[in-house]
Amino acid sequence: MNRSTRIGMGLVALLGAFVFFMLTVGSLGEPQPDVARMSVEQVLDASQPPQEAYGGQELRISGWYASLDADCTGTRNGSGDAAWLERTCPLRVLMPYQPAETVSQEELMANGLRLAAPVGRPFPSRAEPSGPNLRLEELVFVGHFNDPAATACAPDLVNACRGTFVVSDYSGLIR
């Protein structure tokens, strides 16, 4: 083996050691709070309602997405600035577990976090026109509770509006 080959192999070994060192040092400690995610279980198991526990802070919540569109009942269209927040259909929910294909609207509302968005677009597109729109993977939704628009909701819906998770973005959960 000549001198230039030994130098080249030494440089490759040093580069590998440097990359290993950087990966090791970078993985130490707690993740940054702005990239840490919570599960739906953590949010639902809190001692306070989510709007009280987290206020308006931005959260990343992972769970199983489900939505009902044509099968949804009890539509309340709302009026004014908070119509998008009062609307109950289409029903979009983040669940702590993968719901069954036969899941009912009542089960979704009782066991999950209701999702809403002012523009209605940061949600997965529908795979089928009817029935629950279920995903085969967990998703991470970015958003907040206690949206300022909740004060414009009808008086009997203000608390429900404050407890709705207002979504700004979502992505697949990378394991």
Protein backbone atom coordinates (compact mmCIF):
# COMPACT_ATOMS: atom_id res chain seq x y z
CA MET A 1 0.00 0.00 0.00
CA ASN A 2 1.51 3.31 -1.03
CA ARG A 3 1.60 6.51 0.99
CA SER A 4 -1.30 8.31 -0.77
CA THR A 5 -3.61 5.33 -0.25
CA ARG A 6 -2.78 5.27 3.48
CA ILE A 7 -3.44 9.02 3.74
CA GLY A 8 -6.76 8.63 1.90
CA MET A 9 -7.86 5.76 4.15
CA GLY A 10 -6.81 7.77 7.21
CA LEU A 11 -8.89 10.75 6.06
CA VAL A 12 -11.93 8.53 5.46
CA ALA A 13 -11.50 7.02 8.94
CA LEU A 14 -11.19 10.49 10.49
CA LEU A 15 -14.29 11.66 8.65
CA GLY A 16 -16.21 8.61 9.91
CA ALA A 17 -15.02 9.24 13.48
CA PHE A 18 -16.05 12.90 13.21
CA VAL A 19 -19.54 12.00 11.94
CA PHE A 20 -19.95 9.41 14.72
CA PHE A 21 -18.86 11.99 17.32
CA MET A 22 -21.30 14.61 16.00
CA LEU A 23 -24.19 12.14 15.97
CA THR A 24 -23.42 11.04 19.52
CA VAL A 25 -23.10 14.57 20.90
CA GLY A 26 -26.17 15.76 18.99
CA SER A 27 -28.39 13.04 20.44
CA LEU A 28 -27.56 13.85 24.07
CA GLY A 29 -30.08 15.67 26.25
CA GLU A 30 -33.74 16.44 25.85
CA PRO A 31 -35.21 17.43 22.49
CA GLN A 32 -35.95 21.08 21.99
CA PRO A 33 -39.41 22.01 23.29
CA ASP A 34 -40.46 23.35 19.89
CA VAL A 35 -39.89 19.97 18.23
CA ALA A 36 -41.13 17.67 21.03
CA ARG A 37 -44.47 16.05 20.32
CA MET A 38 -47.23 14.86 22.59
CA SER A 39 -49.66 12.00 22.13
CA VAL A 40 -53.43 12.34 22.16
CA GLU A 41 -53.44 10.27 25.37
CA GLN A 42 -51.22 12.84 27.11
CA VAL A 43 -53.53 15.67 26.11
CA LEU A 44 -56.72 13.82 27.10
CA ASP A 45 -55.26 12.51 30.39
CA ALA A 46 -54.33 15.99 31.65
CA SER A 47 -55.97 17.04 34.91
CA GLN A 48 -57.38 20.14 33.19
CA PRO A 49 -59.14 20.65 29.86
CA PRO A 50 -56.58 21.22 27.08
CA GLN A 51 -57.53 24.88 26.65
CA GLU A 52 -56.68 25.48 30.31
CA ALA A 53 -53.59 23.25 30.46
CA TYR A 54 -51.90 24.53 27.29
CA GLY A 55 -53.57 27.87 26.59
CA GLY A 56 -52.70 29.10 23.13
CA GLN A 57 -49.19 27.65 22.92
CA GLU A 58 -48.22 25.81 19.74
CA LEU A 59 -48.22 22.04 20.18
CA ARG A 60 -47.34 19.01 18.08
CA ILE A 61 -49.79 16.20 18.80
CA SER A 62 -49.50 12.74 17.28
CA GLY A 63 -52.44 10.41 16.82
CA TRP A 64 -54.73 8.66 14.38
CA TYR A 65 -56.69 10.95 12.07
CA ALA A 66 -60.32 10.27 11.22
CA SER A 67 -62.92 12.41 9.53
CA LEU A 68 -66.59 12.08 8.68
CA ASP A 69 -67.99 14.09 5.82
CA ALA A 70 -71.16 12.86 4.10
CA ASP A 71 -72.03 10.61 7.08
CA CYS A 72 -71.70 13.46 9.57
CA THR A 73 -74.88 14.66 11.28
CA GLY A 74 -75.81 17.61 13.45
CA THR A 75 -74.23 20.25 11.27
CA ARG A 76 -74.04 23.64 12.88
CA ASN A 77 -72.94 26.07 10.22
CA GLY A 78 -72.21 28.95 12.57
CA SER A 79 -72.12 32.56 11.57
CA GLY A 80 -69.70 35.44 11.62
CA ASP A 81 -65.96 35.29 12.22
CA ALA A 82 -66.02 31.96 14.07
CA ALA A 83 -68.18 29.96 11.66
CA TRP A 84 -65.22 27.74 10.76
CA LEU A 85 -64.67 26.98 14.46
CA GLU A 86 -68.35 26.31 15.26
CA ARG A 87 -68.88 24.00 12.27
CA THR A 88 -69.21 20.36 13.35
CA CYS A 89 -69.36 18.79 9.89
CA PRO A 90 -67.17 17.63 8.35
CA LEU A 91 -66.04 16.19 11.66
CA ARG A 92 -62.25 15.91 11.92
CA VAL A 93 -60.83 14.14 14.95
CA LEU A 94 -57.42 13.04 16.22
CA MET A 95 -57.74 9.73 18.08
CA PRO A 96 -55.40 7.96 20.53
CA TYR A 97 -55.83 4.69 18.60
CA GLN A 98 -56.69 3.54 15.07
CA PRO A 99 -60.49 3.60 14.88
CA ALA A 100 -62.41 0.77 13.25
CA GLU A 101 -64.02 1.21 9.83
CA THR A 102 -67.42 1.13 11.56
CA VAL A 103 -66.63 3.89 14.06
CA SER A 104 -69.57 6.14 14.87
CA GLN A 105 -69.64 9.91 15.06
CA GLU A 106 -70.43 9.70 18.77
CA GLU A 107 -67.34 7.52 19.42
CA LEU A 108 -65.13 9.94 17.52
CA MET A 109 -66.43 12.93 19.44
CA ALA A 110 -66.22 11.20 22.82
CA ASN A 111 -62.72 9.71 22.47
CA GLY A 112 -60.76 12.18 20.39
CA LEU A 113 -59.68 15.77 19.91
CA ARG A 114 -61.82 17.77 17.49
CA LEU A 115 -59.75 19.51 14.81
CA ALA A 116 -60.52 22.69 12.87
CA ALA A 117 -58.72 25.16 10.64
CA PRO A 118 -59.69 28.61 9.39
CA VAL A 119 -59.04 27.71 5.76
CA GLY A 120 -59.94 24.01 6.05
CA ARG A 121 -56.97 22.86 3.96
CA PRO A 122 -54.31 21.51 6.32
CA PHE A 123 -56.03 18.13 6.45
CA PRO A 124 -55.48 14.91 4.49
CA SER A 125 -57.67 14.56 1.42
CA ARG A 126 -60.50 12.06 1.49
CA ALA A 127 -59.82 8.58 0.21
CA GLU A 128 -63.52 7.67 -0.07
CA PRO A 129 -66.60 9.90 -0.40
CA SER A 130 -68.44 8.27 2.52
CA GLY A 131 -67.59 6.58 5.78
CA PRO A 132 -64.72 7.52 8.06
CA ASN A 133 -61.61 8.79 6.33
CA LEU A 134 -58.92 6.78 8.14
CA ARG A 135 -55.15 6.80 7.65
CA LEU A 136 -52.85 3.80 7.90
CA GLU A 137 -50.30 5.70 9.97
CA GLU A 138 -50.19 8.13 12.85
CA LEU A 139 -49.94 11.78 11.90
CA VAL A 140 -48.47 14.74 13.75
CA PHE A 141 -50.65 17.86 13.76
CA VAL A 142 -49.23 21.28 14.61
CA GLY A 143 -51.59 23.82 16.13
CA HIS A 144 -53.06 25.25 19.32
CA PHE A 145 -56.08 25.28 21.62
CA ASN A 146 -57.90 28.37 22.87
CA ASP A 147 -57.96 30.19 19.55
CA PRO A 148 -58.77 33.92 19.78
CA ALA A 149 -61.73 33.37 17.41
CA ALA A 150 -63.43 31.28 20.14
CA THR A 151 -64.70 34.46 21.77
CA ALA A 152 -66.83 35.07 18.65
CA CYS A 153 -68.53 31.65 18.92
CA ALA A 154 -72.16 31.39 20.02
CA PRO A 155 -72.38 31.60 23.85
CA ASP A 156 -73.31 27.91 24.23
CA LEU A 157 -70.31 26.87 22.07
CA VAL A 158 -67.52 29.06 23.46
CA ASN A 159 -66.09 26.29 25.66
CA ALA A 160 -66.23 23.73 22.81
CA CYS A 161 -64.57 26.24 20.49
CA ARG A 162 -61.80 26.90 23.01
CA GLY A 163 -61.23 23.12 23.34
CA THR A 164 -60.91 22.57 19.58
CA PHE A 165 -57.37 22.00 18.32
CA VAL A 166 -56.81 24.59 15.57
CA VAL A 167 -54.45 23.04 13.02
CA SER A 168 -51.87 24.94 11.02
CA ASP A 169 -50.00 21.96 9.52
CA TYR A 170 -49.59 18.18 9.67
CA SER A 171 -47.08 15.55 8.63
CA GLY A 172 -46.56 11.79 8.79
CA LEU A 173 -44.98 10.35 11.90
CA ILE A 174 -41.43 9.29 11.17
CA ARG A 175 -40.22 6.46 13.39
